[in-house]
């Protein structure tokens, strides 16, 4: 059963610029003409967007900032009408576009819950049942009769999400619910969205967290410039999006621009990630052999160079690799230092690379540094196996993969026999 049908939807915003204060003053003083040409501009936040969503689908919507993701949810939630096209939805809709919208700070949590539920036509007996669920999820039992203006920001957000999700709508529109709250709250949000999809609720989930998108969604739409770029399997769409994004943003050290990556002795020109067959890539599997290439120019004969790579994920250093021996430059030129990353070292997450060159010339030391010179994504080599481990609680959730995940050599052997008496067994 189709719960959402979007056909040729477009949303256009028009900006008109009238006379400036200086032009108005000039008119009064007779220094400017009365006729002023209004300069207008059309901005299409969405253009020719079409798709349909079946009941129980968790649909991820991804794309860069300004791609039209939030505008799409606003159109589906009937907050803003489309300029063109048609949207058909079956059932009730609960938008989570701004957590806390509609809550009254002067009222208590209990009063806000009652007010919100009354607005949506929920009777008193059902209200009392849902209030228990809301309070339990938000963990505000002791503060149920406290005005919201005395809540901490974390308590406020927990209550807002709990109220919205316990409306039990047919269609849930969630925009960046992982951008607020602590890690524990974010994980509970993810679990609640998963439960909603399993119960038959249709969910549209917007997020920049690609790990969460792949964990939750069974279908993904990639938007860019207000248009649908790709629609399909989460792993395929996310891979295409991230590879496109990182190819565009990689190699931030640009020639001709002064900075820490350039000096009188030379310049870091690029940092690239290569596959085993020599192709430049922006994403790879855990079981792939990779190579990091640092290309640099050297202008001073007689300089000695040593390369250092720092690989970072989620604000922490995953590992640091240092070239074991210095390279002595005989003549000026362009050089490339390559470092091989073995298979099964990296975890399924996003990494950024800082490249440095330590230079020694005539007993003087200096350095070239390119911060955030490259970003790339690594995918789990066996997603089904990892999901099984997550389900059994043997590893953390897929949204917290860690810095590295090496495949080590393991050996299990029997040390000695243990004698267990019948009494021990009974106890």
Protein backbone atom coordinates (compact mmCIF):
# COMPACT_ATOMS: atom_id res chain seq x y z
CA UNK A 1 0.00 0.00 0.00
CA UNK A 2 1.36 3.42 -1.01
CA UNK A 3 1.24 5.96 1.82
CA UNK A 4 3.10 8.84 0.10
CA UNK A 5 3.03 9.76 -3.59
CA UNK A 6 5.06 12.73 -4.84
CA UNK A 7 4.60 13.72 -8.51
CA UNK A 8 6.66 16.43 -10.21
CA UNK A 9 6.93 18.56 -7.08
CA UNK A 10 8.77 21.85 -7.25
CA UNK A 11 9.14 24.66 -4.72
CA UNK A 12 10.23 28.11 -5.84
CA UNK A 13 11.10 31.07 -3.64
CA UNK A 14 11.16 34.53 -5.21
CA UNK A 15 13.21 37.39 -3.87
CA UNK A 16 12.34 40.99 -4.81
CA UNK A 17 14.59 43.90 -4.11
CA UNK A 18 12.94 47.31 -3.94
CA UNK A 19 14.57 50.72 -3.65
CA UNK A 20 17.31 51.06 -1.05
CA UNK A 21 17.21 53.75 1.69
CA UNK A 22 19.72 55.78 -0.34
CA UNK A 23 17.50 55.58 -3.42
CA UNK A 24 14.49 56.73 -1.40
CA UNK A 25 16.49 59.63 0.00
CA UNK A 26 17.65 60.53 -3.50
CA UNK A 27 14.06 60.66 -4.70
CA UNK A 28 13.06 63.06 -1.94
CA UNK A 29 15.99 65.31 -2.77
CA UNK A 30 15.23 65.10 -6.48
CA UNK A 31 18.54 63.38 -7.22
CA UNK A 32 17.07 60.09 -8.38
CA UNK A 33 14.29 59.05 -10.71
CA UNK A 34 11.01 57.78 -9.35
CA UNK A 35 11.14 54.70 -11.56
CA UNK A 36 13.10 51.93 -9.90
CA UNK A 37 13.41 48.55 -11.57
CA UNK A 38 12.68 45.80 -9.09
CA UNK A 39 15.29 43.10 -9.26
CA UNK A 40 13.75 39.69 -8.70
CA UNK A 41 15.32 36.26 -8.50
CA UNK A 42 13.84 32.77 -8.52
CA UNK A 43 15.35 30.10 -6.28
CA UNK A 44 14.11 26.55 -6.85
CA UNK A 45 14.58 24.63 -3.61
CA UNK A 46 12.91 21.59 -5.24
CA UNK A 47 12.50 20.83 -8.93
CA UNK A 48 10.64 17.94 -10.59
CA UNK A 49 10.83 15.59 -7.56
CA UNK A 50 8.85 12.37 -7.96
CA UNK A 51 8.75 9.18 -5.86
CA UNK A 52 6.33 6.97 -3.94
CA UNK A 53 6.73 5.29 -0.56
CA UNK A 54 5.13 2.04 0.55
CA UNK A 55 3.73 1.51 4.04
CA UNK A 56 6.35 0.49 6.61
CA UNK A 57 9.28 1.88 4.59
CA UNK A 58 12.01 3.82 6.37
CA UNK A 59 13.19 6.18 3.65
CA UNK A 60 16.45 8.07 4.16
CA UNK A 61 16.90 11.47 2.51
CA UNK A 62 20.52 12.57 2.10
CA UNK A 63 22.40 15.35 0.37
CA UNK A 64 24.59 18.39 1.07
CA UNK A 65 23.39 21.51 2.84
CA UNK A 66 20.95 23.41 0.63
CA UNK A 67 19.96 20.30 -1.33
CA UNK A 68 16.25 20.70 -0.48
CA UNK A 69 15.86 17.99 2.16
CA UNK A 70 14.09 20.10 4.81
CA UNK A 71 11.99 21.84 2.16
CA UNK A 72 10.78 18.44 0.97
CA UNK A 73 9.70 17.48 4.49
CA UNK A 74 7.94 20.83 4.92
CA UNK A 75 5.99 20.24 1.72
CA UNK A 76 5.05 16.71 2.85
CA UNK A 77 4.00 18.06 6.26
CA UNK A 78 1.83 20.75 4.57
CA UNK A 79 3.80 23.49 6.30
CA UNK A 80 4.53 25.06 2.91
CA UNK A 81 2.64 24.41 -0.36
CA UNK A 82 4.47 23.24 -3.48
CA UNK A 83 4.84 25.68 -6.36
CA UNK A 84 4.14 22.89 -8.80
CA UNK A 85 3.34 19.19 -8.71
CA UNK A 86 1.18 17.10 -6.40
CA UNK A 87 1.60 15.30 -3.07
CA UNK A 88 -0.78 12.59 -1.84
CA UNK A 89 -0.48 11.12 1.66
CA UNK A 90 -2.61 8.47 3.34
CA UNK A 91 -3.03 8.69 7.12
CA UNK A 92 -1.93 11.01 9.91
CA UNK A 93 1.42 12.81 9.77
CA UNK A 94 3.75 13.75 12.66
CA UNK A 95 6.56 16.12 11.65
CA UNK A 96 9.74 16.19 13.77
CA UNK A 97 11.18 19.18 11.95
CA UNK A 98 11.95 21.26 15.03
CA UNK A 99 11.95 19.53 18.39
CA UNK A 100 10.01 21.53 20.95
CA UNK A 101 7.90 23.58 18.53
CA UNK A 102 4.51 24.26 20.14
CA UNK A 103 5.52 23.57 23.74
CA UNK A 104 4.70 26.30 26.26
CA UNK A 105 7.53 27.15 28.70
CA UNK A 106 5.16 28.54 31.34
CA UNK A 107 3.16 25.28 31.52
CA UNK A 108 4.25 22.11 33.30
CA UNK A 109 5.27 18.97 31.46
CA UNK A 110 1.94 17.35 32.37
CA UNK A 111 -0.03 20.34 31.04
CA UNK A 112 1.99 20.43 27.82
CA UNK A 113 1.37 16.73 27.19
CA UNK A 114 -2.38 17.17 27.76
CA UNK A 115 -2.50 20.27 25.54
CA UNK A 116 -0.59 18.60 22.71
CA UNK A 117 -2.73 15.46 22.80
CA UNK A 118 -5.96 17.48 22.94
CA UNK A 119 -4.94 19.41 19.84
CA UNK A 120 -4.67 16.08 18.02
CA UNK A 121 -8.06 14.80 19.18
CA UNK A 122 -6.88 12.14 21.63
CA UNK A 123 -9.45 11.30 24.33
CA UNK A 124 -8.76 11.37 28.07
CA UNK A 125 -8.40 7.60 28.63
CA UNK A 126 -5.92 7.27 25.77
CA UNK A 127 -4.14 10.42 26.95
CA UNK A 128 -3.40 8.92 30.38
CA UNK A 129 -1.96 5.77 28.82
CA UNK A 130 0.28 7.68 26.42
CA UNK A 131 1.38 10.07 29.14
CA UNK A 132 2.97 7.15 31.00
CA UNK A 133 4.88 6.15 27.84
CA UNK A 134 5.98 9.74 27.19
CA UNK A 135 7.24 10.25 30.73
CA UNK A 136 9.03 6.89 30.78
CA UNK A 137 10.88 7.60 27.52
CA UNK A 138 11.75 11.18 28.47
CA UNK A 139 12.83 10.14 31.99
CA UNK A 140 11.19 13.14 33.66
CA UNK A 141 9.07 11.33 36.30
CA UNK A 142 10.22 13.64 39.09
CA UNK A 143 9.61 16.80 37.06
CA UNK A 144 6.19 16.09 35.57
CA UNK A 145 4.64 19.07 37.40
CA UNK A 146 7.57 21.44 36.86
CA UNK A 147 7.21 24.33 34.34
CA UNK A 148 9.24 23.74 31.21
CA UNK A 149 11.10 27.03 31.66
CA UNK A 150 12.98 25.34 34.51
CA UNK A 151 13.97 22.31 32.40
CA UNK A 152 17.50 21.83 31.19
CA UNK A 153 17.93 21.81 27.41
CA UNK A 154 18.42 18.02 27.47
CA UNK A 155 15.19 17.41 29.42
CA UNK A 156 13.31 19.77 27.10
CA UNK A 157 14.49 17.93 23.98
CA UNK A 158 13.73 14.49 25.46
CA UNK A 159 10.17 15.55 26.30
CA UNK A 160 9.60 17.12 22.87
CA UNK A 161 10.76 14.01 21.00
CA UNK A 162 8.83 11.68 23.28
CA UNK A 163 5.57 13.61 22.81
CA UNK A 164 5.93 13.70 19.03
CA UNK A 165 6.87 10.05 18.51
CA UNK A 166 4.13 8.79 20.86
CA UNK A 167 1.47 10.37 18.65
CA UNK A 168 1.73 7.05 16.73
CA UNK A 169 1.17 8.61 13.31
CA UNK A 170 0.93 6.72 10.03
CA UNK A 171 3.75 8.87 8.61
CA UNK A 172 6.69 10.19 10.64
CA UNK A 173 8.85 12.98 9.18
CA UNK A 174 12.14 13.26 11.09
CA UNK A 175 14.67 15.98 10.28
CA UNK A 176 18.11 15.75 11.93
CA UNK A 177 16.84 14.28 15.21
CA UNK A 178 20.44 13.14 15.86
CA UNK A 179 21.75 16.71 15.88
CA UNK A 180 20.60 17.26 19.46
CA UNK A 181 20.95 15.50 22.79
CA UNK A 182 23.70 13.29 24.15
CA UNK A 183 24.84 9.96 22.66
CA UNK A 184 22.49 7.95 24.85
CA UNK A 185 19.49 10.01 23.75
CA UNK A 186 20.50 9.77 20.09
CA UNK A 187 20.72 5.98 20.33
CA UNK A 188 17.27 5.80 21.91
CA UNK A 189 15.91 8.00 19.11
CA UNK A 190 17.34 5.59 16.55
CA UNK A 191 15.85 2.60 18.33
CA UNK A 192 12.43 4.27 18.50
CA UNK A 193 12.52 5.07 14.77
CA UNK A 194 13.47 1.45 14.06
CA UNK A 195 10.56 0.23 16.16
CA UNK A 196 8.19 2.60 14.38
CA UNK A 197 9.18 1.23 10.98
CA UNK A 198 8.87 -2.36 12.17
CA UNK A 199 5.34 -1.58 13.43
CA UNK A 200 4.24 -0.47 9.95
CA UNK A 201 4.81 3.25 10.26
CA UNK A 202 6.20 5.03 7.19
CA UNK A 203 9.26 7.09 8.14
CA UNK A 204 11.15 9.75 6.18
CA UNK A 205 14.48 10.28 7.91
CA UNK A 206 16.80 13.18 7.03
CA UNK A 207 20.34 13.03 8.43
CA UNK A 208 23.98 13.75 7.64
CA UNK A 209 24.98 10.68 9.68
CA UNK A 210 25.54 8.08 6.98
CA UNK A 211 26.07 5.27 9.49
CA UNK A 212 22.63 5.96 10.98
CA UNK A 213 21.08 6.18 7.51
CA UNK A 214 22.43 2.75 6.57
CA UNK A 215 21.46 1.28 9.92
CA UNK A 216 17.83 2.46 9.83
CA UNK A 217 16.74 2.79 6.23
CA UNK A 218 15.72 0.19 3.67
CA UNK A 219 15.74 2.81 0.89
CA UNK A 220 17.58 6.12 0.34
CA UNK A 221 16.99 9.15 -1.88
CA UNK A 222 19.91 11.45 -2.67
CA UNK A 223 18.96 15.09 -3.32
CA UNK A 224 21.23 17.74 -4.78
CA UNK A 225 20.23 21.17 -6.03
CA UNK A 226 16.57 20.33 -5.38
CA UNK A 227 16.58 17.32 -7.71
CA UNK A 228 16.70 13.57 -7.14
CA UNK A 229 20.16 12.32 -8.08
CA UNK A 230 19.70 8.67 -7.08
CA UNK A 231 17.01 6.53 -5.44
CA UNK A 232 17.54 2.96 -4.30
CA UNK A 233 19.49 0.61 -2.04
CA UNK A 234 21.02 2.44 0.98
CA UNK A 235 24.54 1.02 0.56
CA UNK A 236 24.69 1.88 -3.15
CA UNK A 237 23.22 5.40 -2.81
CA UNK A 238 25.32 6.32 0.24
CA UNK A 239 28.46 5.00 -1.45
CA UNK A 240 27.80 7.06 -4.58
CA UNK A 241 26.99 10.18 -2.53
CA UNK A 242 30.03 9.93 -0.26
CA UNK A 243 32.43 9.12 -3.07
CA UNK A 244 31.13 12.13 -5.00
CA UNK A 245 31.34 14.35 -1.92
CA UNK A 246 34.88 13.31 -0.97
CA UNK A 247 36.25 13.54 -4.49
CA UNK A 248 34.97 17.13 -4.59
CA UNK A 249 36.43 18.02 -1.19
CA UNK A 250 39.68 16.06 -1.23
CA UNK A 251 43.04 17.70 -1.86
CA UNK A 252 42.29 20.97 -0.06
CA UNK A 253 45.93 22.06 -0.35
CA UNK A 254 45.71 24.21 -3.49
CA UNK A 255 48.54 25.57 -5.54
CA UNK A 256 49.17 29.29 -5.47
CA UNK A 257 47.64 29.79 -2.02
CA UNK A 258 49.94 30.61 0.86
CA UNK A 259 49.59 28.54 3.99
CA UNK A 260 51.28 25.95 6.17
CA UNK A 261 51.47 23.56 3.22
CA UNK A 262 53.78 25.85 1.21
CA UNK A 263 57.14 27.48 1.95
CA UNK A 264 60.32 28.63 0.21
CA UNK A 265 61.47 25.00 0.03
CA UNK A 266 58.37 23.49 -1.56
CA UNK A 267 54.66 22.74 -1.38
CA UNK A 268 52.27 19.87 -0.63
CA UNK A 269 50.28 19.58 -3.86
CA UNK A 270 47.76 16.82 -3.11
CA UNK A 271 46.84 13.92 -0.85
CA UNK A 272 45.00 11.05 -2.55
CA UNK A 273 43.56 7.66 -1.64
CA UNK A 274 44.20 4.92 -4.22
CA UNK A 275 42.77 1.45 -4.66
CA UNK A 276 44.95 -1.62 -5.21
CA UNK A 277 44.69 -1.13 -9.00
CA UNK A 278 45.77 2.52 -8.78
CA UNK A 279 42.39 4.26 -9.08
CA UNK A 280 41.71 7.39 -7.02
CA UNK A 281 38.74 6.68 -4.74
CA UNK A 282 36.76 8.32 -1.95
CA UNK A 283 35.41 5.19 -0.24
CA UNK A 284 36.57 1.60 0.22
CA UNK A 285 35.71 -1.68 1.92
CA UNK A 286 37.51 -2.89 5.01
CA UNK A 287 38.99 -5.85 3.13
CA UNK A 288 40.60 -3.62 0.47
CA UNK A 289 44.29 -2.78 0.30
CA UNK A 290 44.69 1.01 0.10
CA UNK A 291 47.48 3.48 -0.60
CA UNK A 292 47.80 7.06 0.62
CA UNK A 293 49.78 9.21 -1.82
CA UNK A 294 51.27 12.57 -0.84
CA UNK A 295 52.47 14.55 -3.85
CA UNK A 296 54.74 17.54 -3.22
CA UNK A 297 57.13 19.84 -5.01
CA UNK A 298 60.66 20.58 -3.73
CA UNK A 299 62.61 23.62 -4.88
CA UNK A 300 65.75 23.42 -2.75
CA UNK A 301 68.50 20.91 -3.65
CA UNK A 302 70.06 19.21 -0.66
CA UNK A 303 66.94 19.25 1.52
CA UNK A 304 66.03 16.07 3.44
CA UNK A 305 62.35 15.09 3.69
CA UNK A 306 60.36 12.77 5.95
CA UNK A 307 56.60 12.31 5.55
CA UNK A 308 54.12 12.00 8.43
CA UNK A 309 50.45 11.00 8.10
CA UNK A 310 47.88 11.48 10.87
CA UNK A 311 44.56 9.68 10.30
CA UNK A 312 41.69 11.01 12.42
CA UNK A 313 38.08 9.95 12.98
CA UNK A 314 35.37 11.60 15.10
CA UNK A 315 37.85 13.99 16.68
CA UNK A 316 40.32 11.32 17.82
CA UNK A 317 43.57 10.08 16.34
CA UNK A 318 43.10 6.63 14.79
CA UNK A 319 46.80 6.16 13.99
CA UNK A 320 49.94 8.03 12.94
CA UNK A 321 52.41 6.75 10.34
CA UNK A 322 55.94 8.11 9.93
CA UNK A 323 58.26 7.44 7.00
CA UNK A 324 61.10 5.42 8.55
CA UNK A 325 63.98 7.00 6.58
CA UNK A 326 64.58 10.51 5.34
CA UNK A 327 64.62 11.12 1.58
CA UNK A 328 67.50 13.30 0.34
CA UNK A 329 66.59 15.58 -2.59
CA UNK A 330 69.33 15.84 -5.20
CA UNK A 331 67.50 18.13 -7.63
CA UNK A 332 64.24 20.15 -7.61
CA UNK A 333 61.13 18.41 -8.86
CA UNK A 334 57.74 16.90 -7.99
CA UNK A 335 57.79 13.80 -5.78
CA UNK A 336 55.22 11.38 -4.36
CA UNK A 337 55.44 9.55 -1.03
CA UNK A 338 53.25 6.44 -0.79
CA UNK A 339 52.10 4.58 2.32
CA UNK A 340 50.26 1.25 2.10
CA UNK A 341 47.29 0.59 4.43
CA UNK A 342 46.76 -3.16 4.84
CA UNK A 343 43.31 -4.77 4.63
CA UNK A 344 41.25 -5.20 7.81
CA UNK A 345 42.84 -2.33 9.72
CA UNK A 346 40.25 0.45 9.44
CA UNK A 347 36.78 0.51 10.94
CA UNK A 348 33.52 1.30 9.10
CA UNK A 349 33.55 5.07 9.59
CA UNK A 350 34.76 8.35 8.07
CA UNK A 351 38.42 9.36 8.25
CA UNK A 352 40.32 12.56 7.54
CA UNK A 353 44.03 12.80 6.82
CA UNK A 354 46.58 15.39 7.92
CA UNK A 355 49.78 15.26 5.87
CA UNK A 356 53.08 16.74 7.08
CA UNK A 357 56.58 16.96 5.62
CA UNK A 358 59.51 17.43 8.00
CA UNK A 359 62.31 19.29 6.14
CA UNK A 360 65.97 19.62 7.08
CA UNK A 361 68.26 21.96 5.17
CA UNK A 362 71.66 23.18 6.34
CA UNK A 363 70.92 22.20 9.95
CA UNK A 364 67.64 24.15 9.91
CA UNK A 365 64.34 22.35 10.46
CA UNK A 366 60.96 23.35 9.07
CA UNK A 367 57.69 21.67 8.12
CA UNK A 368 54.93 21.70 5.53
CA UNK A 369 51.48 20.80 6.91
CA UNK A 370 48.19 20.19 5.09
CA UNK A 371 45.33 19.90 7.60
CA UNK A 372 42.21 17.98 6.53
CA UNK A 373 43.85 17.31 3.19
CA UNK A 374 41.65 14.29 2.46
CA UNK A 375 38.46 12.65 3.74
CA UNK A 376 37.31 9.14 2.89
CA UNK A 377 34.82 6.51 4.01
CA UNK A 378 35.43 2.84 4.90
CA UNK A 379 32.63 0.27 4.79
CA UNK A 380 32.31 -2.95 6.78
CA UNK A 381 33.44 -5.96 4.75
CA UNK A 382 30.66 -8.15 6.14
CA UNK A 383 27.66 -6.04 7.09
CA UNK A 384 25.44 -9.07 7.86
CA UNK A 385 28.01 -10.46 10.31
CA UNK A 386 28.38 -7.09 12.03
CA UNK A 387 24.62 -6.64 12.39
CA UNK A 388 24.45 -10.08 14.00
CA UNK A 389 27.13 -9.09 16.53
CA UNK A 390 25.32 -5.81 17.25
CA UNK A 391 22.03 -7.64 17.81
CA UNK A 392 23.70 -9.97 20.32
CA UNK A 393 25.33 -7.07 22.14
CA UNK A 394 28.89 -8.21 21.35
CA UNK A 395 29.88 -4.92 19.73
CA UNK A 396 28.63 -1.37 19.97
CA UNK A 397 25.92 0.00 17.72
CA UNK A 398 26.88 0.74 14.14
CA UNK A 399 26.70 4.49 14.81
CA UNK A 400 29.75 4.18 17.12
CA UNK A 401 32.20 2.05 15.15
CA UNK A 402 35.43 3.15 16.85
CA UNK A 403 38.72 4.33 15.38
CA UNK A 404 40.18 1.07 14.03
CA UNK A 405 38.94 -2.50 13.77
CA UNK A 406 41.91 -4.75 12.88
CA UNK A 407 41.43 -8.41 12.07
CA UNK A 408 43.97 -9.99 14.43
CA UNK A 409 45.33 -13.51 14.50
CA UNK A 410 43.52 -15.54 17.19
CA UNK A 411 44.31 -18.87 18.77
CA UNK A 412 42.31 -20.76 21.38
CA UNK A 413 43.87 -23.69 23.30
CA UNK A 414 43.00 -25.71 26.35
CA UNK A 415 45.24 -24.88 29.32
CA UNK A 416 44.13 -27.56 31.74
CA UNK A 417 41.14 -29.62 32.72
CA UNK A 418 38.76 -28.38 35.42
CA UNK A 419 37.11 -30.96 37.65
CA UNK A 420 33.52 -30.06 38.52
CA UNK A 421 31.76 -32.05 41.26
CA UNK A 422 28.10 -33.01 41.15
CA UNK A 423 27.39 -30.51 43.96
CA UNK A 424 28.94 -27.71 41.97
CA UNK A 425 26.72 -28.57 39.01
CA UNK A 426 23.62 -28.53 41.19
CA UNK A 427 24.43 -25.14 42.61
